[in-house]
Amino acid sequence: MSLKLYNTLTRKKEIVKPIKDKIVKLYTCGPTVWDYAHIGNFRAYVCVDILKRYLKYKGFKVKHVMNITDVDDKTIKGANKEGISLKEYTRRYEMAFFEDIGTLNIDRADIFPRATEHIKEMIAIIKRLLSNKTAYKSEDGIYFDISKFKDYGKLSHTKLEGLEAGKRVKQDSYEKEQAQDFALWKSYDKEDGNVVWKTEIGNGRPGWHIECSAMSMKYLGNHFDIHAGGVDLIFPHHENEIAQSEASSKKKFVNYWFHNEHLLVDGHKMSKSLGNFYTLRDLLNKGYNPKAIRYLLLSANYRVQLNFTEEAVKAADNSIQRLNDFMIKLKEIKNNTNKKQIENIIHKTKKQFEDAMDDDLNISIALAHVFEFVKEINTLMMESNVGKNNAKKIIEFMNEIDKVLGILEEKEEKLSLDLMKLIEEREKARKEKNYSKADKIRQQLKEKGIVLEDTKEGVRWKRVK
């Protein structure tokens, strides 16, 4: 079965057919590095991570570009407030972003272009737009004339009837923006402080929209496969990207537009005034397992709103623990009773997983099949109907699935010598039937976050939060 994705441009699911056979060119709107990224941002990045991982699982090569927006109103204001250079200010949050995606096991893009390092490419596009009269100069910058682009609104279905001619917007904040001419280049303003580029089109800085067009087209070409981002970027950002890019190149900009829905926290939109606004670091400071956070962020289809709650994180943590316990049990199998039915169950689950993922990355259904598989195999293990060779095949299958999910422990954790010594002392106490001492040591370990489980193969431990 072929992978189908919902294309925001056409409003329907379409089979993914790359422009160049087996090579998918993917662009993601990345972070604006003015502060630490919040969990709503990371839902978007995790959704794209699942898309990218599944494309690779299907045999595609992926060339992935994610931009770093390091010049806009917020970054300039932050740098000026601290009295430091724009570069010094933004690199702090850029490095934090890279640390955070590592924590969430998000695959890094192949290229992370910075806006400030692509001014030349932006100016080249703006000059072409001026030349073909789809852009015009004003006293405060250079603007794109949306009335000159007949397809404006095709992504967002924005209607241009009643648009006030010549109405312009210069700001980088777009929450309340209506359809109107937008800034490609902003003339220098004293509030910009030392942030200015002296160019043939004037002294100033780029608008936000032109940054993504310049960087995506430089690394992926004027026409590429998939452009991804949150639904909040459909209008005006992505609509404006299409207009300026296609007006400049005279080619179709992107074939598939991939947009994820919003993340809610406790049923509400994130807001500092509601006290439900969290960065990843806030959650880690609360003691949440990063794998559980990742699991929760990926657990619902990307086109469905996801509600982030404390109870949901705990449930996600339990799911992760269940999978890791399952893998540990498989590695401990010693018997040689190998059943043919195991291969049939693996084959069935693989098909179910792929059928669900091929249907617009329907990951909640895919995960349900994975856990049903775990339940079936656990039942067979309890009946001693899984041998070492079976276990090896099951582990290989789970690791193959995890290339998409990215949630299993990469390697077995080792305990400190002190903790191992306590476990050994408890085992000795049990053998000597000193159950009081054994129970006391069990409690000591539990207080240190280590829970013991006595099995017929011996004692097993796991770390709990």
Protein backbone atom coordinates (compact mmCIF):
# COMPACT_ATOMS: atom_id res chain seq x y z
CA MET A 1 0.00 0.00 0.00
CA SER A 2 1.22 3.54 -0.76
CA LEU A 3 1.50 6.32 1.80
CA LYS A 4 -1.36 8.80 1.63
CA LEU A 5 -1.15 12.23 3.29
CA TYR A 6 -3.78 14.91 3.70
CA ASN A 7 -2.75 17.83 1.50
CA THR A 8 -3.94 21.17 2.89
CA LEU A 9 -3.70 22.63 -0.62
CA THR A 10 -6.22 20.22 -2.16
CA ARG A 11 -8.16 19.37 1.02
CA LYS A 12 -7.88 15.63 0.39
CA LYS A 13 -5.63 12.63 1.01
CA GLU A 14 -3.16 12.00 -1.78
CA ILE A 15 -0.58 9.32 -2.53
CA VAL A 16 2.90 10.71 -1.93
CA LYS A 17 4.75 10.70 -5.26
CA PRO A 18 8.08 12.54 -5.02
CA ILE A 19 9.22 14.77 -7.88
CA LYS A 20 12.39 12.69 -8.06
CA ASP A 21 11.85 8.95 -7.61
CA LYS A 22 12.43 7.76 -4.03
CA ILE A 23 13.84 11.12 -2.85
CA VAL A 24 11.54 13.32 -0.76
CA LYS A 25 12.51 16.95 -0.27
CA LEU A 26 11.01 18.17 3.02
CA TYR A 27 10.99 21.66 4.54
CA THR A 28 9.91 22.38 8.11
CA CYS A 29 9.25 25.82 9.57
CA GLY A 30 11.67 25.75 12.49
CA PRO A 31 12.01 27.77 15.69
CA THR A 32 12.19 31.51 16.15
CA VAL A 33 15.07 31.61 18.58
CA TRP A 34 13.92 34.38 20.91
CA ASP A 35 13.05 32.09 23.87
CA TYR A 36 12.86 28.41 24.82
CA ALA A 37 10.49 26.44 22.58
CA HIS A 38 7.21 25.38 24.22
CA ILE A 39 5.53 21.98 24.04
CA GLY A 40 3.11 23.19 21.34
CA ASN A 41 6.15 23.80 19.12
CA PHE A 42 7.46 20.35 19.95
CA ARG A 43 4.20 18.70 18.98
CA ALA A 44 4.78 20.09 15.48
CA TYR A 45 8.40 18.89 15.40
CA VAL A 46 7.46 15.43 16.68
CA CYS A 47 4.70 15.12 14.05
CA VAL A 48 7.21 15.95 11.31
CA ASP A 49 9.69 13.54 12.89
CA ILE A 50 7.15 10.71 12.58
CA LEU A 51 6.50 11.67 8.96
CA LYS A 52 10.21 11.72 8.16
CA ARG A 53 10.92 8.45 9.98
CA TYR A 54 8.02 6.71 8.23
CA LEU A 55 9.11 7.95 4.82
CA LYS A 56 12.51 6.37 5.51
CA TYR A 57 10.80 3.19 6.76
CA LYS A 58 9.00 3.05 3.38
CA GLY A 59 12.32 3.19 1.57
CA PHE A 60 12.47 6.87 0.63
CA LYS A 61 15.54 9.01 1.04
CA VAL A 62 14.66 12.29 2.75
CA LYS A 63 16.44 15.59 2.33
CA HIS A 64 15.23 17.64 5.29
CA VAL A 65 15.68 21.37 5.80
CA MET A 66 14.52 23.19 8.94
CA ASN A 67 15.12 26.92 9.18
CA ILE A 68 16.26 28.91 12.19
CA THR A 69 14.52 32.29 12.36
CA ASP A 70 17.14 34.45 14.05
CA VAL A 71 15.93 37.89 12.97
CA ASP A 72 12.45 39.25 13.59
CA ASP A 73 10.76 41.72 15.94
CA LYS A 74 11.06 39.43 18.98
CA THR A 75 14.72 38.51 18.56
CA ILE A 76 15.69 42.14 17.97
CA LYS A 77 13.70 43.34 20.96
CA GLY A 78 15.25 40.65 23.19
CA ALA A 79 18.81 41.43 22.10
CA ASN A 80 18.33 45.18 22.54
CA LYS A 81 16.77 44.70 25.97
CA GLU A 82 19.82 42.72 27.15
CA GLY A 83 22.25 45.04 25.39
CA ILE A 84 23.94 42.23 23.47
CA SER A 85 24.33 41.42 19.77
CA LEU A 86 21.57 39.66 17.88
CA LYS A 87 23.91 36.73 17.21
CA GLU A 88 24.83 36.31 20.89
CA TYR A 89 21.19 36.48 21.92
CA THR A 90 19.81 34.03 19.35
CA ARG A 91 22.60 31.44 19.56
CA ARG A 92 21.71 30.90 23.22
CA TYR A 93 18.21 29.75 22.32
CA GLU A 94 19.36 27.97 19.18
CA MET A 95 21.64 25.75 21.27
CA ALA A 96 18.81 25.15 23.76
CA PHE A 97 16.59 24.07 20.86
CA PHE A 98 19.16 21.54 19.66
CA GLU A 99 19.45 20.16 23.19
CA ASP A 100 15.67 19.86 23.44
CA ILE A 101 15.18 17.98 20.17
CA GLY A 102 17.93 15.62 21.31
CA THR A 103 16.08 15.06 24.59
CA LEU A 104 12.91 14.18 22.66
CA ASN A 105 14.80 11.89 20.28
CA ILE A 106 13.84 13.99 17.24
CA ASP A 107 16.03 13.28 14.23
CA ARG A 108 18.02 16.34 13.24
CA ALA A 109 17.41 17.93 9.84
CA ASP A 110 20.14 17.65 7.22
CA ILE A 111 20.42 21.44 7.03
CA PHE A 112 19.53 24.14 9.59
CA PRO A 113 19.91 27.42 7.67
CA ARG A 114 19.84 30.67 9.64
CA ALA A 115 17.87 33.59 8.23
CA THR A 116 20.69 36.08 8.94
CA GLU A 117 23.05 34.06 6.72
CA HIS A 118 20.73 34.14 3.68
CA ILE A 119 20.08 37.84 3.15
CA LYS A 120 21.66 37.68 -0.33
CA GLU A 121 19.15 35.04 -1.44
CA MET A 122 16.24 37.06 -0.06
CA ILE A 123 17.34 40.20 -1.90
CA ALA A 124 17.60 38.25 -5.17
CA ILE A 125 13.95 37.16 -4.83
CA ILE A 126 12.80 40.67 -3.89
CA LYS A 127 14.59 42.15 -6.92
CA ARG A 128 12.81 39.67 -9.23
CA LEU A 129 9.47 40.59 -7.65
CA LEU A 130 10.17 44.30 -8.13
CA SER A 131 11.20 43.62 -11.72
CA ASN A 132 7.97 41.79 -12.58
CA LYS A 133 5.92 44.38 -10.66
CA THR A 134 4.42 42.01 -8.08
CA ALA A 135 6.26 44.05 -5.43
CA TYR A 136 6.52 47.79 -4.88
CA LYS A 137 8.54 50.21 -2.81
CA SER A 138 7.01 52.28 -0.04
CA GLU A 139 8.36 54.80 2.44
CA ASP A 140 8.86 52.08 5.06
CA GLY A 141 10.00 49.16 2.93
CA ILE A 142 9.15 46.88 0.02
CA TYR A 143 5.79 45.10 -0.13
CA PHE A 144 4.27 42.23 -2.06
CA ASP A 145 1.12 43.26 -3.96
CA ILE A 146 -1.29 40.36 -3.41
CA SER A 147 -3.69 41.73 -6.05
CA LYS A 148 -1.04 40.86 -8.66
CA PHE A 149 -1.04 37.18 -7.69
CA LYS A 150 -4.29 35.69 -9.01
CA ASP A 151 -4.06 32.50 -6.92
CA TYR A 152 -3.65 34.28 -3.58
CA GLY A 153 -5.71 32.44 -0.96
CA LYS A 154 -5.59 28.99 -2.60
CA LEU A 155 -4.00 27.33 0.44
CA SER A 156 -6.07 28.95 3.19
CA HIS A 157 -9.19 29.59 1.06
CA THR A 158 -8.99 33.23 2.09
CA LYS A 159 -11.42 35.44 0.16
CA LEU A 160 -10.07 38.71 -1.18
CA GLU A 161 -13.43 40.37 -1.91
CA GLY A 162 -13.71 43.73 -0.20
CA LEU A 163 -9.96 44.02 0.32
CA GLU A 164 -8.93 47.63 0.80
CA ALA A 165 -6.53 48.46 -2.07
CA GLY A 166 -3.00 49.27 -0.97
CA LYS A 167 -3.55 48.24 2.65
CA ARG A 168 -0.26 47.03 4.10
CA VAL A 169 1.13 45.24 7.12
CA LYS A 170 4.71 45.48 8.32
CA GLN A 171 4.74 43.76 11.70
CA ASP A 172 6.02 40.27 12.40
CA SER A 173 3.10 39.36 14.67
CA TYR A 174 0.20 37.99 12.63
CA GLU A 175 -2.43 36.75 15.04
CA LYS A 176 -5.02 39.28 13.83
CA GLU A 177 -3.75 39.91 10.32
CA GLN A 178 -6.23 40.12 7.47
CA ALA A 179 -5.46 39.53 3.77
CA GLN A 180 -3.32 42.47 2.75
CA ASP A 181 0.00 43.39 1.19
CA PHE A 182 2.89 42.15 3.31
CA ALA A 183 6.43 43.36 3.89
CA LEU A 184 9.26 41.70 2.00
CA TRP A 185 11.87 44.18 3.25
CA LYS A 186 11.57 46.61 6.16
CA SER A 187 13.36 49.93 6.04
CA TYR A 188 15.64 50.63 8.98
CA ASP A 189 13.89 51.82 12.12
CA LYS A 190 15.72 53.17 15.16
CA GLU A 191 14.02 50.46 17.27
CA ASP A 192 16.10 47.92 15.32
CA GLY A 193 19.24 49.21 17.03
CA ASN A 194 22.32 47.69 15.39
CA VAL A 195 20.36 45.18 13.32
CA VAL A 196 20.60 46.46 9.75
CA TRP A 197 21.79 45.28 6.35
CA LYS A 198 23.02 47.86 3.84
CA THR A 199 21.92 46.61 0.45
CA GLU A 200 21.06 47.78 -3.09
CA ILE A 201 17.35 47.66 -2.21
CA GLY A 202 17.83 49.85 0.86
CA ASN A 203 19.05 49.70 4.43
CA GLY A 204 16.93 47.46 6.61
CA ARG A 205 16.06 43.85 7.29
CA PRO A 206 13.88 41.10 5.80
CA GLY A 207 10.26 40.36 6.56
CA TRP A 208 9.49 36.97 8.07
CA HIS A 209 7.81 35.36 5.05
CA ILE A 210 10.63 35.97 2.59
CA GLU A 211 13.08 34.19 4.88
CA CYS A 212 11.46 30.77 4.45
CA SER A 213 11.03 31.12 0.69
CA ALA A 214 14.70 32.01 0.24
CA MET A 215 16.04 29.23 2.45
CA SER A 216 13.71 26.46 1.21
CA MET A 217 14.31 27.23 -2.46
CA LYS A 218 18.08 27.52 -2.04
CA TYR A 219 18.44 24.03 -0.58
CA LEU A 220 15.47 22.18 -2.10
CA GLY A 221 14.88 24.00 -5.39
CA ASN A 222 12.07 26.22 -6.65
CA HIS A 223 9.69 23.23 -6.68
CA PHE A 224 9.86 20.59 -3.94
CA ASP A 225 7.76 17.89 -2.32
CA ILE A 226 6.54 18.61 1.22
CA HIS A 227 6.31 21.75 3.34
CA ALA A 228 5.36 21.20 7.00
CA GLY A 229 4.25 23.32 9.94
CA GLY A 230 1.43 23.96 12.41
CA VAL A 231 -2.09 24.95 11.33
CA ASP A 232 -1.45 28.43 12.73
CA LEU A 233 1.03 28.99 9.88
CA ILE A 234 -1.39 28.25 7.03
CA PHE A 235 -2.41 31.92 6.93
CA PRO A 236 -0.70 34.24 6.47
CA HIS A 237 2.78 32.72 6.53
CA HIS A 238 2.44 29.77 4.16
CA GLU A 239 -0.05 31.60 1.96
CA ASN A 240 2.46 34.41 1.57
CA GLU A 241 5.31 31.97 0.95
CA ILE A 242 3.40 30.50 -1.97
CA ALA A 243 2.61 33.93 -3.43
CA GLN A 244 6.13 35.35 -3.33
CA SER A 245 7.82 32.08 -4.35
CA GLU A 246 5.60 31.34 -7.34
CA ALA A 247 5.55 34.96 -8.45
CA SER A 248 9.33 34.91 -8.38
CA SER A 249 10.08 31.51 -9.97
CA LYS A 250 6.97 31.12 -12.15
CA LYS A 251 6.84 27.50 -10.94
CA LYS A 252 4.64 25.58 -8.52
CA PHE A 253 6.25 25.97 -5.09
CA VAL A 254 5.25 22.84 -3.12
CA ASN A 255 3.27 19.68 -3.96
CA TYR A 256 2.09 18.64 -0.46
CA TRP A 257 1.32 20.89 2.52
CA PHE A 258 1.47 19.03 5.84
CA HIS A 259 -0.10 20.82 8.85
CA ASN A 260 -0.51 19.54 12.40
CA GLU A 261 -3.30 20.64 14.74
CA HIS A 262 -2.87 22.59 17.98
CA LEU A 263 -1.79 21.18 21.32
CA LEU A 264 -4.11 21.98 24.22
CA VAL A 265 -3.06 21.88 27.87
CA ASP A 266 -5.76 20.78 30.32
CA GLY A 267 -8.33 21.44 27.60
CA HIS A 268 -7.28 25.03 26.94
CA LYS A 269 -5.00 26.85 24.54
CA MET A 270 -1.63 27.46 26.18
CA SER A 271 -1.44 30.82 27.89
CA LYS A 272 0.86 32.26 30.52
CA SER A 273 -2.14 33.97 32.10
CA LEU A 274 -3.81 30.55 32.61
CA GLY A 275 -0.62 29.09 34.06
CA ASN A 276 -0.61 26.24 31.52
CA PHE A 277 2.27 27.45 29.33
CA TYR A 278 5.16 24.97 29.45
CA THR A 279 8.54 24.67 27.82
CA LEU A 280 10.08 21.22 27.60
CA ARG A 281 12.46 22.25 30.36
CA ASP A 282 9.53 23.11 32.63
CA LEU A 283 8.22 19.56 32.23
CA LEU A 284 11.61 17.96 32.82
CA ASN A 285 11.95 20.00 36.02
CA LYS A 286 8.64 18.49 37.12
CA GLY A 287 10.25 15.05 36.79
CA TYR A 288 8.50 13.90 33.61
CA ASN A 289 10.19 11.19 31.55
CA PRO A 290 11.20 12.70 28.15
CA LYS A 291 10.27 9.44 26.38
CA ALA A 292 6.78 9.70 27.92
CA ILE A 293 6.50 13.30 26.68
CA ARG A 294 7.52 12.18 23.20
CA TYR A 295 5.06 9.28 23.33
CA LEU A 296 2.20 11.58 24.29
CA LEU A 297 3.05 14.12 21.58
CA LEU A 298 3.00 11.43 18.88
CA SER A 299 0.13 9.33 20.21
CA ALA A 300 -2.68 11.05 18.30
CA ASN A 301 -2.97 11.64 14.56
CA TYR A 302 -1.31 14.92 13.59
CA ARG A 303 -4.60 16.38 12.28
CA VAL A 304 -6.34 15.92 15.64
CA GLN A 305 -6.02 18.36 18.55
CA LEU A 306 -4.07 16.76 21.40
CA ASN A 307 -4.86 17.49 25.04
CA PHE A 308 -1.76 17.49 27.25
CA THR A 309 -2.59 16.64 30.88
CA GLU A 310 -0.70 15.26 33.86
CA GLU A 311 -2.81 12.11 33.72
CA ALA A 312 -2.01 11.68 30.03
CA VAL A 313 1.75 11.94 30.70
CA LYS A 314 1.45 9.30 33.44
CA ALA A 315 -0.46 7.02 31.08
CA ALA A 316 2.20 7.58 28.41
CA ASP A 317 4.92 6.71 30.94
CA ASN A 318 3.08 3.48 31.79
CA SER A 319 2.88 2.63 28.07
CA ILE A 320 6.61 3.20 27.62
CA GLN A 321 7.35 1.06 30.70
CA ARG A 322 5.13 -1.72 29.38
CA LEU A 323 7.03 -1.80 26.09
CA ASN A 324 10.44 -1.73 27.75
CA ASP A 325 9.43 -4.47 30.22
CA PHE A 326 8.29 -6.53 27.23
CA MET A 327 11.69 -6.14 25.55
CA ILE A 328 13.51 -7.12 28.78
CA LYS A 329 11.42 -10.29 29.12
CA LEU A 330 12.20 -11.26 25.53
CA LYS A 331 15.94 -10.93 26.16
CA GLU A 332 15.68 -13.25 29.18
CA ILE A 333 14.06 -16.14 27.32
CA LYS A 334 16.20 -19.29 27.51
CA ASN A 335 13.96 -22.10 26.30
CA ASN A 336 14.08 -23.50 22.75
CA THR A 337 10.34 -23.95 22.18
CA ASN A 338 9.91 -22.00 18.92
CA LYS A 339 6.43 -21.83 17.44
CA LYS A 340 5.63 -21.10 13.78
CA GLN A 341 2.63 -19.03 14.85
CA ILE A 342 4.97 -16.29 16.13
CA GLU A 343 6.05 -15.48 12.57
CA ASN A 344 2.39 -15.27 11.54
CA ILE A 345 1.63 -12.86 14.38
CA ILE A 346 4.63 -10.68 13.43
CA HIS A 347 3.56 -10.66 9.77
CA LYS A 348 -0.04 -9.77 10.71
CA THR A 349 1.01 -6.93 13.03
CA LYS A 350 3.52 -5.52 10.53
CA LYS A 351 0.77 -5.27 7.90
CA GLN A 352 -1.68 -3.72 10.37
CA PHE A 353 0.91 -1.17 11.47
CA GLU A 354 1.79 -0.22 7.90
CA ASP A 355 -1.86 -0.06 6.77
CA ALA A 356 -2.61 2.38 9.59
CA MET A 357 0.46 4.53 8.96
CA ASP A 358 -0.12 4.54 5.19
CA ASP A 359 -3.53 6.06 5.89
CA ASP A 360 -2.37 9.60 6.67
CA LEU A 361 -0.08 8.49 9.52
CA ASN A 362 -2.96 7.11 11.61
CA ILE A 363 -0.64 6.47 14.51
CA SER A 364 -3.25 5.90 17.23
CA ILE A 365 -4.48 2.84 15.30
CA ALA A 366 -0.90 1.75 14.59
CA LEU A 367 -0.06 1.91 18.30
CA ALA A 368 -3.19 -0.06 19.18
CA HIS A 369 -1.97 -2.88 16.92
CA VAL A 370 1.48 -2.79 18.53
CA PHE A 371 0.00 -3.17 22.03
CA GLU A 372 -2.31 -5.95 20.88
CA PHE A 373 0.82 -7.69 19.55
CA VAL A 374 2.52 -7.25 22.95
CA LYS A 375 -0.54 -8.74 24.65
CA GLU A 376 -0.58 -11.77 22.33
CA ILE A 377 3.13 -12.46 22.75
CA ASN A 378 2.97 -11.99 26.53
CA THR A 379 0.25 -14.64 26.68
CA LEU A 380 2.41 -17.04 24.69
CA MET A 381 5.41 -16.31 26.92
CA MET A 382 3.37 -17.13 30.02
CA GLU A 383 2.62 -20.49 28.40
CA SER A 384 6.34 -20.97 27.62
CA ASN A 385 5.53 -21.00 23.90
CA VAL A 386 8.19 -18.47 22.89
CA GLY A 387 11.73 -19.73 22.32
CA LYS A 388 15.03 -17.91 21.93
CA ASN A 389 14.80 -17.80 18.13
CA ASN A 390 11.23 -16.48 18.36
CA ALA A 391 12.34 -13.85 20.84
CA LYS A 392 15.10 -12.69 18.52
CA LYS A 393 12.62 -12.21 15.65
CA ILE A 394 10.20 -10.34 17.92
CA ILE A 395 12.96 -8.02 19.15
CA GLU A 396 14.02 -7.36 15.54
CA PHE A 397 10.42 -6.52 14.64
CA MET A 398 9.98 -4.20 17.63
CA ASN A 399 13.23 -2.41 16.80
CA GLU A 400 12.08 -2.02 13.19
CA ILE A 401 8.82 -0.43 14.38
CA ASP A 402 10.77 1.77 16.76
CA LYS A 403 12.68 3.28 13.87
CA VAL A 404 9.37 5.08 13.27
CA LEU A 405 8.28 5.62 16.88
CA GLY A 406 11.61 6.38 18.60
CA ILE A 407 10.35 5.50 22.08
CA LEU A 408 12.20 2.36 23.22
CA GLU A 409 15.28 2.51 25.38
CA GLU A 410 18.29 2.50 23.07
CA LYS A 411 20.43 0.53 25.49
CA GLU A 412 20.04 -1.26 28.75
CA GLU A 413 20.59 0.97 31.74
CA LYS A 414 23.18 -0.11 34.27
CA LEU A 415 22.82 0.46 37.99
CA SER A 416 25.53 1.81 40.23
CA LEU A 417 27.64 -0.68 42.21
CA ASP A 418 25.93 0.41 45.45
CA LEU A 419 22.47 -0.38 44.10
CA MET A 420 23.59 -3.69 42.62
CA LYS A 421 25.11 -4.59 45.99
CA LEU A 422 21.75 -3.92 47.68
CA ILE A 423 19.97 -6.21 45.21
CA GLU A 424 22.52 -8.94 45.87
CA GLU A 425 22.10 -8.53 49.66
CA ARG A 426 18.36 -8.87 49.28
CA GLU A 427 18.74 -12.05 47.21
CA LYS A 428 21.02 -13.48 49.89
CA ALA A 429 18.49 -12.57 52.62
CA ARG A 430 15.70 -14.29 50.65
CA LYS A 431 17.75 -17.47 50.25
CA GLU A 432 18.43 -17.43 53.99
CA LYS A 433 14.66 -16.89 54.51
CA ASN A 434 15.36 -13.58 56.25
CA TYR A 435 12.24 -12.04 54.73
CA SER A 436 12.18 -9.07 57.10
CA LYS A 437 15.63 -7.94 55.90
CA ALA A 438 14.68 -8.68 52.26
CA ASP A 439 11.55 -6.52 52.55
CA LYS A 440 13.51 -3.71 54.17
CA ILE A 441 16.05 -3.67 51.32
CA ARG A 442 13.22 -3.78 48.75
CA GLN A 443 11.76 -0.65 50.36
CA GLN A 444 15.19 1.04 50.38
CA LEU A 445 15.52 0.41 46.66
CA LYS A 446 11.99 1.62 45.99
CA GLU A 447 12.77 4.90 47.73
CA LYS A 448 15.72 5.25 45.34
CA GLY A 449 13.42 4.71 42.36
CA ILE A 450 14.24 1.02 41.79
CA VAL A 451 11.39 -1.50 41.81
CA LEU A 452 12.14 -5.23 42.00
CA GLU A 453 10.15 -8.01 40.40
CA ASP A 454 10.76 -11.65 41.33
CA THR A 455 10.35 -14.00 38.35
CA LYS A 456 11.13 -17.66 37.73
CA GLU A 457 14.15 -16.48 35.71
CA GLY A 458 15.37 -14.51 38.73
CA VAL A 459 15.03 -11.00 40.11
CA ARG A 460 14.35 -8.20 37.63
CA TRP A 461 14.63 -4.49 38.36
CA LYS A 462 13.27 -1.38 36.70
CA ARG A 463 13.60 2.32 37.36
CA VAL A 464 10.45 4.31 38.09
CA LYS A 465 9.83 8.04 38.36
